[in-house]
N, C-alpha and C. Protein backbone atom coordinates (compact mmCIF):
# COMPACT_ATOMS: atom_id res chain seq x y z
N MET A 1 48.88 113.10 88.83
CA MET A 1 48.81 111.64 88.73
C MET A 1 49.26 111.06 90.06
N ASN A 2 48.48 110.22 90.65
CA ASN A 2 48.87 109.55 91.88
C ASN A 2 49.24 108.12 91.54
N ALA A 3 50.48 107.95 91.09
CA ALA A 3 50.93 106.64 90.61
C ALA A 3 50.99 105.60 91.72
N ALA A 4 51.24 106.04 92.93
CA ALA A 4 51.39 105.09 94.02
C ALA A 4 50.06 104.47 94.43
N ALA A 5 48.97 105.20 94.26
CA ALA A 5 47.69 104.71 94.73
C ALA A 5 47.01 103.78 93.73
N SER A 6 47.26 103.98 92.44
CA SER A 6 46.61 103.15 91.43
C SER A 6 47.28 101.79 91.33
N ALA A 7 46.60 100.88 90.65
CA ALA A 7 47.16 99.54 90.44
C ALA A 7 48.40 99.64 89.55
N PRO A 8 49.38 98.75 89.76
CA PRO A 8 50.58 98.83 88.94
C PRO A 8 50.27 98.54 87.47
N ARG A 9 50.88 99.33 86.60
CA ARG A 9 50.72 99.11 85.17
C ARG A 9 51.86 98.22 84.70
N LYS A 10 51.53 97.29 83.85
CA LYS A 10 52.55 96.37 83.35
C LYS A 10 52.79 96.61 81.87
N LEU A 11 53.98 96.25 81.45
CA LEU A 11 54.34 96.38 80.05
C LEU A 11 53.43 95.51 79.19
N PRO A 12 53.20 95.90 77.94
CA PRO A 12 52.39 95.07 77.04
C PRO A 12 53.04 93.70 76.83
N GLY A 13 52.20 92.70 76.56
CA GLY A 13 52.67 91.32 76.37
C GLY A 13 53.83 91.17 75.41
N PRO A 14 53.80 91.78 74.21
CA PRO A 14 54.93 91.62 73.29
C PRO A 14 56.24 92.17 73.85
N VAL A 15 56.17 93.27 74.59
CA VAL A 15 57.38 93.83 75.20
C VAL A 15 57.91 92.88 76.27
N ARG A 16 57.01 92.32 77.07
CA ARG A 16 57.42 91.35 78.09
C ARG A 16 58.08 90.14 77.45
N ALA A 17 57.52 89.66 76.34
CA ALA A 17 58.07 88.48 75.67
C ALA A 17 59.49 88.74 75.18
N VAL A 18 59.72 89.92 74.63
CA VAL A 18 61.07 90.26 74.17
C VAL A 18 62.02 90.39 75.36
N GLY A 19 61.56 91.08 76.40
CA GLY A 19 62.41 91.28 77.58
C GLY A 19 62.88 89.99 78.21
N ARG A 20 62.02 89.01 78.25
CA ARG A 20 62.37 87.73 78.87
C ARG A 20 63.41 86.96 78.05
N ARG A 21 63.55 87.30 76.78
CA ARG A 21 64.52 86.60 75.92
C ARG A 21 65.87 87.31 75.83
N LEU A 22 65.93 88.52 76.32
CA LEU A 22 67.18 89.29 76.21
C LEU A 22 68.25 88.74 77.15
N PRO A 23 69.49 88.70 76.68
CA PRO A 23 70.58 88.31 77.58
C PRO A 23 70.81 89.41 78.62
N ARG A 24 71.25 89.02 79.79
CA ARG A 24 71.40 89.95 80.91
C ARG A 24 72.47 91.00 80.68
N LEU A 25 73.63 90.61 80.16
CA LEU A 25 74.76 91.54 80.11
C LEU A 25 74.51 92.79 79.26
N PRO A 26 73.98 92.70 78.03
CA PRO A 26 73.78 93.95 77.28
C PRO A 26 72.86 94.94 78.00
N ALA A 27 71.81 94.45 78.63
CA ALA A 27 70.91 95.33 79.37
C ALA A 27 71.63 95.94 80.57
N SER A 28 72.47 95.15 81.24
CA SER A 28 73.24 95.66 82.38
C SER A 28 74.26 96.69 81.94
N ILE A 29 74.86 96.49 80.76
CA ILE A 29 75.81 97.47 80.22
C ILE A 29 75.09 98.80 79.97
N ALA A 30 73.93 98.73 79.32
CA ALA A 30 73.17 99.94 79.03
C ALA A 30 72.76 100.66 80.31
N PHE A 31 72.33 99.89 81.32
CA PHE A 31 71.88 100.48 82.57
C PHE A 31 73.05 101.14 83.32
N ALA A 32 74.18 100.44 83.41
CA ALA A 32 75.35 101.00 84.09
C ALA A 32 75.83 102.26 83.38
N THR A 33 75.79 102.26 82.06
CA THR A 33 76.17 103.45 81.30
C THR A 33 75.23 104.61 81.61
N ALA A 34 73.93 104.33 81.66
CA ALA A 34 72.96 105.37 81.99
C ALA A 34 73.20 105.92 83.40
N LEU A 35 73.49 105.04 84.34
CA LEU A 35 73.79 105.50 85.71
C LEU A 35 75.02 106.40 85.73
N ASN A 36 76.06 106.01 85.00
CA ASN A 36 77.27 106.82 84.96
C ASN A 36 77.01 108.18 84.32
N LEU A 37 76.17 108.23 83.31
CA LEU A 37 75.89 109.50 82.63
C LEU A 37 74.97 110.41 83.44
N THR A 38 74.04 109.83 84.19
CA THR A 38 73.06 110.66 84.89
C THR A 38 73.32 110.85 86.38
N LEU A 39 73.85 109.83 87.05
CA LEU A 39 73.94 109.88 88.52
C LEU A 39 75.34 109.95 89.11
N ARG A 40 76.31 109.38 88.44
CA ARG A 40 77.62 109.21 89.08
C ARG A 40 78.18 110.51 89.63
N ARG A 41 78.16 111.57 88.86
CA ARG A 41 78.74 112.83 89.33
C ARG A 41 77.92 113.47 90.45
N LYS A 42 76.69 113.04 90.59
CA LYS A 42 75.84 113.61 91.64
C LYS A 42 75.95 112.83 92.95
N PHE A 43 76.47 111.60 92.89
CA PHE A 43 76.66 110.82 94.11
C PHE A 43 77.88 111.38 94.85
N PRO A 44 77.76 111.65 96.15
CA PRO A 44 78.94 112.09 96.91
C PRO A 44 80.03 111.02 96.89
N ALA A 45 81.26 111.45 96.83
CA ALA A 45 82.40 110.52 96.76
C ALA A 45 82.40 109.56 97.94
N ASP A 46 82.06 110.04 99.14
CA ASP A 46 82.07 109.15 100.31
C ASP A 46 81.01 108.05 100.19
N VAL A 47 79.89 108.35 99.54
CA VAL A 47 78.86 107.33 99.34
C VAL A 47 79.36 106.29 98.34
N LEU A 48 79.94 106.74 97.24
CA LEU A 48 80.49 105.79 96.26
C LEU A 48 81.58 104.94 96.90
N ASP A 49 82.39 105.55 97.76
CA ASP A 49 83.43 104.77 98.47
C ASP A 49 82.79 103.71 99.37
N ARG A 50 81.70 104.06 100.02
CA ARG A 50 80.99 103.09 100.90
C ARG A 50 80.37 101.95 100.09
N LEU A 51 79.97 102.25 98.85
CA LEU A 51 79.35 101.24 97.99
C LEU A 51 80.38 100.44 97.19
N GLU A 52 81.62 100.84 97.27
CA GLU A 52 82.71 100.21 96.50
C GLU A 52 82.71 98.68 96.67
N GLY A 53 82.74 98.00 95.52
CA GLY A 53 82.83 96.55 95.52
C GLY A 53 81.52 95.82 95.68
N HIS A 54 80.47 96.54 96.03
CA HIS A 54 79.16 95.90 96.21
C HIS A 54 78.43 95.76 94.88
N THR A 55 77.71 94.65 94.75
CA THR A 55 76.91 94.38 93.56
C THR A 55 75.45 94.61 93.88
N PHE A 56 74.73 95.17 92.90
CA PHE A 56 73.32 95.51 93.05
C PHE A 56 72.54 94.88 91.91
N ALA A 57 71.29 94.54 92.18
CA ALA A 57 70.41 93.98 91.15
C ALA A 57 69.13 94.81 91.10
N ILE A 58 68.73 95.14 89.90
CA ILE A 58 67.45 95.81 89.66
C ILE A 58 66.62 94.83 88.84
N VAL A 59 65.56 94.31 89.43
CA VAL A 59 64.70 93.36 88.73
C VAL A 59 63.47 94.11 88.23
N VAL A 60 63.28 94.08 86.92
CA VAL A 60 62.10 94.68 86.31
C VAL A 60 61.16 93.50 86.06
N GLU A 61 60.26 93.30 87.01
CA GLU A 61 59.45 92.08 87.04
C GLU A 61 58.63 91.85 85.78
N ASP A 62 57.97 92.88 85.30
CA ASP A 62 57.10 92.67 84.14
C ASP A 62 57.89 92.48 82.85
N ALA A 63 59.13 92.90 82.82
CA ALA A 63 59.97 92.72 81.63
C ALA A 63 60.77 91.42 81.71
N GLY A 64 60.80 90.81 82.89
CA GLY A 64 61.60 89.60 83.05
C GLY A 64 63.08 89.88 82.94
N VAL A 65 63.49 91.07 83.36
CA VAL A 65 64.88 91.51 83.21
C VAL A 65 65.50 91.74 84.59
N GLU A 66 66.74 91.28 84.75
CA GLU A 66 67.51 91.58 85.95
C GLU A 66 68.77 92.30 85.51
N LEU A 67 68.96 93.51 86.00
CA LEU A 67 70.12 94.33 85.68
C LEU A 67 71.10 94.23 86.84
N LEU A 68 72.32 93.85 86.54
CA LEU A 68 73.34 93.71 87.58
C LEU A 68 74.47 94.70 87.35
N PHE A 69 74.88 95.35 88.42
CA PHE A 69 76.03 96.26 88.33
C PHE A 69 76.72 96.32 89.68
N ARG A 70 77.95 96.80 89.64
CA ARG A 70 78.77 96.91 90.84
C ARG A 70 79.38 98.30 90.83
N VAL A 71 79.75 98.79 92.00
CA VAL A 71 80.48 100.04 92.10
C VAL A 71 81.96 99.70 92.20
N ARG A 72 82.73 100.26 91.26
CA ARG A 72 84.18 100.02 91.24
C ARG A 72 84.84 101.33 90.81
N ALA A 73 85.80 101.77 91.60
CA ALA A 73 86.55 103.00 91.33
C ALA A 73 85.58 104.17 91.09
N ARG A 74 84.55 104.26 91.94
CA ARG A 74 83.55 105.34 91.90
C ARG A 74 82.77 105.39 90.58
N ARG A 75 82.63 104.24 89.94
CA ARG A 75 81.85 104.12 88.71
C ARG A 75 80.90 102.93 88.84
N PHE A 76 79.84 102.97 88.05
CA PHE A 76 78.91 101.86 87.98
C PHE A 76 79.36 100.96 86.83
N VAL A 77 79.61 99.69 87.13
CA VAL A 77 80.17 98.75 86.18
C VAL A 77 79.20 97.58 86.01
N PRO A 78 78.87 97.22 84.76
CA PRO A 78 77.95 96.09 84.55
C PRO A 78 78.57 94.78 85.00
N VAL A 79 77.72 93.86 85.43
CA VAL A 79 78.14 92.54 85.88
C VAL A 79 77.29 91.51 85.15
N ALA A 80 77.93 90.47 84.65
CA ALA A 80 77.21 89.41 83.93
C ALA A 80 76.45 88.51 84.90
N GLN A 81 77.10 88.15 86.00
CA GLN A 81 76.49 87.29 87.01
C GLN A 81 77.03 87.68 88.37
N ALA A 82 76.23 87.42 89.38
CA ALA A 82 76.66 87.71 90.75
C ALA A 82 76.12 86.62 91.66
N ALA A 83 76.95 86.21 92.61
CA ALA A 83 76.51 85.19 93.56
C ALA A 83 75.29 85.69 94.33
N GLU A 84 75.42 86.80 95.02
CA GLU A 84 74.30 87.39 95.75
C GLU A 84 74.59 88.88 95.91
N PRO A 85 73.79 89.71 95.25
CA PRO A 85 74.01 91.15 95.37
C PRO A 85 73.74 91.63 96.79
N VAL A 86 74.37 92.73 97.16
CA VAL A 86 74.16 93.30 98.49
C VAL A 86 72.73 93.84 98.59
N LEU A 87 72.17 94.29 97.45
CA LEU A 87 70.79 94.77 97.41
C LEU A 87 70.14 94.30 96.12
N ARG A 88 68.90 93.92 96.23
CA ARG A 88 68.10 93.57 95.05
C ARG A 88 66.79 94.34 95.17
N PHE A 89 66.48 95.11 94.13
CA PHE A 89 65.23 95.85 94.06
C PHE A 89 64.33 95.14 93.06
N ARG A 90 63.04 95.01 93.38
CA ARG A 90 62.06 94.39 92.49
C ARG A 90 60.84 95.31 92.36
N ALA A 91 60.47 95.57 91.11
CA ALA A 91 59.27 96.35 90.82
C ALA A 91 58.96 96.19 89.34
N VAL A 92 57.81 96.71 88.93
CA VAL A 92 57.49 96.73 87.50
C VAL A 92 58.08 98.01 86.90
N ALA A 93 58.24 98.02 85.58
CA ALA A 93 58.85 99.15 84.88
C ALA A 93 58.15 100.47 85.19
N TRP A 94 56.82 100.44 85.20
CA TRP A 94 56.05 101.65 85.46
C TRP A 94 56.41 102.25 86.82
N ASP A 95 56.52 101.42 87.84
CA ASP A 95 56.84 101.94 89.17
C ASP A 95 58.25 102.50 89.24
N TYR A 96 59.21 101.85 88.57
CA TYR A 96 60.56 102.43 88.51
C TYR A 96 60.53 103.80 87.83
N ALA A 97 59.77 103.90 86.73
CA ALA A 97 59.70 105.16 86.01
C ALA A 97 59.06 106.25 86.88
N THR A 98 58.00 105.91 87.61
CA THR A 98 57.35 106.90 88.47
C THR A 98 58.27 107.32 89.62
N LEU A 99 59.09 106.40 90.10
CA LEU A 99 60.07 106.76 91.13
C LEU A 99 61.10 107.74 90.58
N ALA A 100 61.65 107.41 89.42
CA ALA A 100 62.68 108.25 88.81
C ALA A 100 62.14 109.63 88.46
N ALA A 101 60.86 109.69 88.08
CA ALA A 101 60.23 110.97 87.74
C ALA A 101 59.74 111.71 88.98
N ARG A 102 59.86 111.08 90.13
CA ARG A 102 59.37 111.60 91.40
C ARG A 102 57.86 111.81 91.39
N GLU A 103 57.18 110.92 90.69
CA GLU A 103 55.73 110.92 90.66
C GLU A 103 55.19 109.94 91.71
N ALA A 104 56.06 109.13 92.28
CA ALA A 104 55.67 108.17 93.32
C ALA A 104 56.68 108.25 94.44
N ASP A 105 56.22 107.94 95.63
CA ASP A 105 57.05 107.95 96.82
C ASP A 105 57.59 106.55 97.07
N PRO A 106 58.92 106.40 97.22
CA PRO A 106 59.47 105.05 97.43
C PRO A 106 58.93 104.36 98.68
N ASP A 107 58.72 105.12 99.74
CA ASP A 107 58.19 104.50 100.97
C ASP A 107 56.78 103.96 100.76
N THR A 108 55.95 104.72 100.03
CA THR A 108 54.59 104.26 99.76
C THR A 108 54.61 102.99 98.92
N LEU A 109 55.43 102.98 97.86
CA LEU A 109 55.53 101.78 97.03
C LEU A 109 56.05 100.60 97.84
N PHE A 110 57.01 100.86 98.72
CA PHE A 110 57.58 99.80 99.56
C PHE A 110 56.51 99.23 100.49
N PHE A 111 55.79 100.09 101.18
CA PHE A 111 54.79 99.61 102.13
C PHE A 111 53.58 98.98 101.45
N ASN A 112 53.35 99.34 100.19
CA ASN A 112 52.28 98.71 99.41
C ASN A 112 52.78 97.46 98.67
N ARG A 113 54.00 97.07 98.96
CA ARG A 113 54.64 95.88 98.39
C ARG A 113 54.76 95.93 96.87
N ARG A 114 54.87 97.13 96.34
CA ARG A 114 55.09 97.29 94.91
C ARG A 114 56.56 97.52 94.60
N LEU A 115 57.32 97.87 95.62
CA LEU A 115 58.78 97.96 95.52
C LEU A 115 59.32 97.05 96.61
N VAL A 116 60.02 96.02 96.20
CA VAL A 116 60.60 95.07 97.15
C VAL A 116 62.09 95.33 97.20
N VAL A 117 62.62 95.45 98.41
CA VAL A 117 64.04 95.66 98.61
C VAL A 117 64.55 94.52 99.47
N GLU A 118 65.51 93.78 98.93
CA GLU A 118 66.09 92.64 99.65
C GLU A 118 67.58 92.88 99.83
N GLY A 119 68.08 92.62 101.03
CA GLY A 119 69.51 92.73 101.26
C GLY A 119 69.85 93.55 102.48
N ASP A 120 70.98 94.20 102.42
CA ASP A 120 71.56 94.95 103.52
C ASP A 120 70.77 96.23 103.79
N THR A 121 70.11 96.29 104.94
CA THR A 121 69.25 97.42 105.28
C THR A 121 70.03 98.73 105.37
N GLU A 122 71.22 98.68 105.95
CA GLU A 122 72.03 99.90 106.09
C GLU A 122 72.39 100.48 104.72
N ILE A 123 72.79 99.63 103.80
CA ILE A 123 73.14 100.10 102.46
C ILE A 123 71.89 100.56 101.73
N ALA A 124 70.77 99.88 101.93
CA ALA A 124 69.51 100.30 101.30
C ALA A 124 69.14 101.72 101.73
N LEU A 125 69.27 102.01 103.01
CA LEU A 125 68.95 103.35 103.51
C LEU A 125 69.94 104.39 102.99
N LEU A 126 71.22 104.01 102.89
CA LEU A 126 72.23 104.92 102.33
C LEU A 126 71.87 105.27 100.89
N VAL A 127 71.53 104.27 100.09
CA VAL A 127 71.17 104.50 98.69
C VAL A 127 69.90 105.35 98.60
N LYS A 128 68.87 104.99 99.36
CA LYS A 128 67.61 105.73 99.32
C LYS A 128 67.81 107.18 99.72
N ASN A 129 68.52 107.41 100.84
CA ASN A 129 68.72 108.78 101.31
C ASN A 129 69.55 109.60 100.32
N THR A 130 70.52 108.96 99.68
CA THR A 130 71.33 109.66 98.68
C THR A 130 70.48 110.01 97.47
N LEU A 131 69.70 109.05 96.97
CA LEU A 131 68.85 109.32 95.81
C LEU A 131 67.81 110.41 96.11
N ASP A 132 67.34 110.47 97.36
CA ASP A 132 66.38 111.50 97.75
C ASP A 132 66.97 112.91 97.63
N THR A 133 68.28 113.04 97.74
CA THR A 133 68.92 114.36 97.69
C THR A 133 69.34 114.76 96.28
N ILE A 134 69.27 113.83 95.34
CA ILE A 134 69.74 114.10 93.98
C ILE A 134 68.59 114.58 93.12
N ASP A 135 68.84 115.68 92.41
CA ASP A 135 67.83 116.20 91.50
C ASP A 135 68.41 116.21 90.09
N ILE A 136 67.66 115.60 89.18
CA ILE A 136 68.05 115.57 87.77
C ILE A 136 66.84 116.08 87.00
N PRO A 137 66.66 117.40 86.95
CA PRO A 137 65.42 117.96 86.40
C PRO A 137 65.14 117.59 84.94
N ARG A 138 66.15 117.59 84.09
CA ARG A 138 65.89 117.25 82.68
C ARG A 138 65.41 115.82 82.52
N THR A 139 66.11 114.89 83.17
CA THR A 139 65.72 113.48 83.10
C THR A 139 64.33 113.29 83.69
N ARG A 140 64.09 113.91 84.82
CA ARG A 140 62.78 113.81 85.47
C ARG A 140 61.69 114.36 84.56
N GLY A 141 61.95 115.48 83.90
CA GLY A 141 60.98 116.08 82.99
C GLY A 141 60.66 115.17 81.81
N ILE A 142 61.68 114.57 81.24
CA ILE A 142 61.47 113.64 80.12
C ILE A 142 60.62 112.46 80.58
N LEU A 143 60.96 111.90 81.73
CA LEU A 143 60.19 110.76 82.25
C LEU A 143 58.74 111.14 82.52
N ARG A 144 58.51 112.33 83.04
CA ARG A 144 57.13 112.75 83.31
C ARG A 144 56.34 112.87 82.02
N ARG A 145 56.96 113.39 80.95
CA ARG A 145 56.26 113.48 79.66
C ARG A 145 55.94 112.09 79.13
N VAL A 146 56.89 111.16 79.26
CA VAL A 146 56.66 109.79 78.80
C VAL A 146 55.54 109.14 79.60
N LEU A 147 55.55 109.33 80.91
CA LEU A 147 54.49 108.75 81.75
C LEU A 147 53.12 109.30 81.38
N ARG A 148 53.05 110.61 81.15
CA ARG A 148 51.76 111.20 80.76
C ARG A 148 51.29 110.64 79.43
N ALA A 149 52.22 110.48 78.48
CA ALA A 149 51.85 109.94 77.16
C ALA A 149 51.42 108.48 77.25
N ALA A 150 52.05 107.73 78.17
CA ALA A 150 51.75 106.29 78.30
C ALA A 150 50.52 106.01 79.17
N ALA A 151 50.10 107.00 79.93
CA ALA A 151 48.95 106.81 80.82
C ALA A 151 47.68 106.65 80.00
N PRO A 152 46.71 105.91 80.53
CA PRO A 152 45.43 105.78 79.83
C PRO A 152 44.86 107.18 79.55
N GLY A 153 44.50 107.41 78.31
CA GLY A 153 43.97 108.72 77.92
C GLY A 153 45.05 109.75 77.72
N GLY A 154 46.37 109.30 77.80
CA GLY A 154 47.48 110.24 77.62
C GLY A 154 47.57 110.69 76.19
N SER A 155 48.27 111.82 76.01
CA SER A 155 48.39 112.35 74.65
C SER A 155 49.76 112.08 74.08
C-alpha cells in the first residue's frame, strides 16, 4: 500500500460529527495514556528531559479533534487548554495511522502538505528523529491490519 501517494482518506461523516462534539480533555487523557503505555519507556531520558514542560498539539483534522499534552517528569500529561503549544501537528486520522504503522513516510506527507508541523523546528526535528528510532512491532502490526481492513476492498 502506498499511502503517501494516494489521496488522503477521511473519516466517515457520522464519525466526524461525533468527533467535533467531543470535549477536548477526555480525548487528550486517552491519548496521553496511550503515549505513556506505548512510547514513554522507549523515549531516551535525555529527550524527555529536553521536552520537559513543553506542550504539544495533535490536530486530527477530519475528526475535528485537538489533542493536547505536555511532558512533565518524563511522562506525557494531558492538558485541557494551552496558550500556544511548542509544536502543533495537523493531519487526517488516516495519515496519522499510516505514519504510526510505518506505511507512510513523514517527510513525504510533509512535503505533500498532508502533514503540517507548526512551531519550534529544533524540537520538531528532535521528536521526528526520536520517533524514527523507536520500533513498536506489535502496535505497528495491529495498525497495519486495521489499515488493510479499512482500505477500499479490504477484508
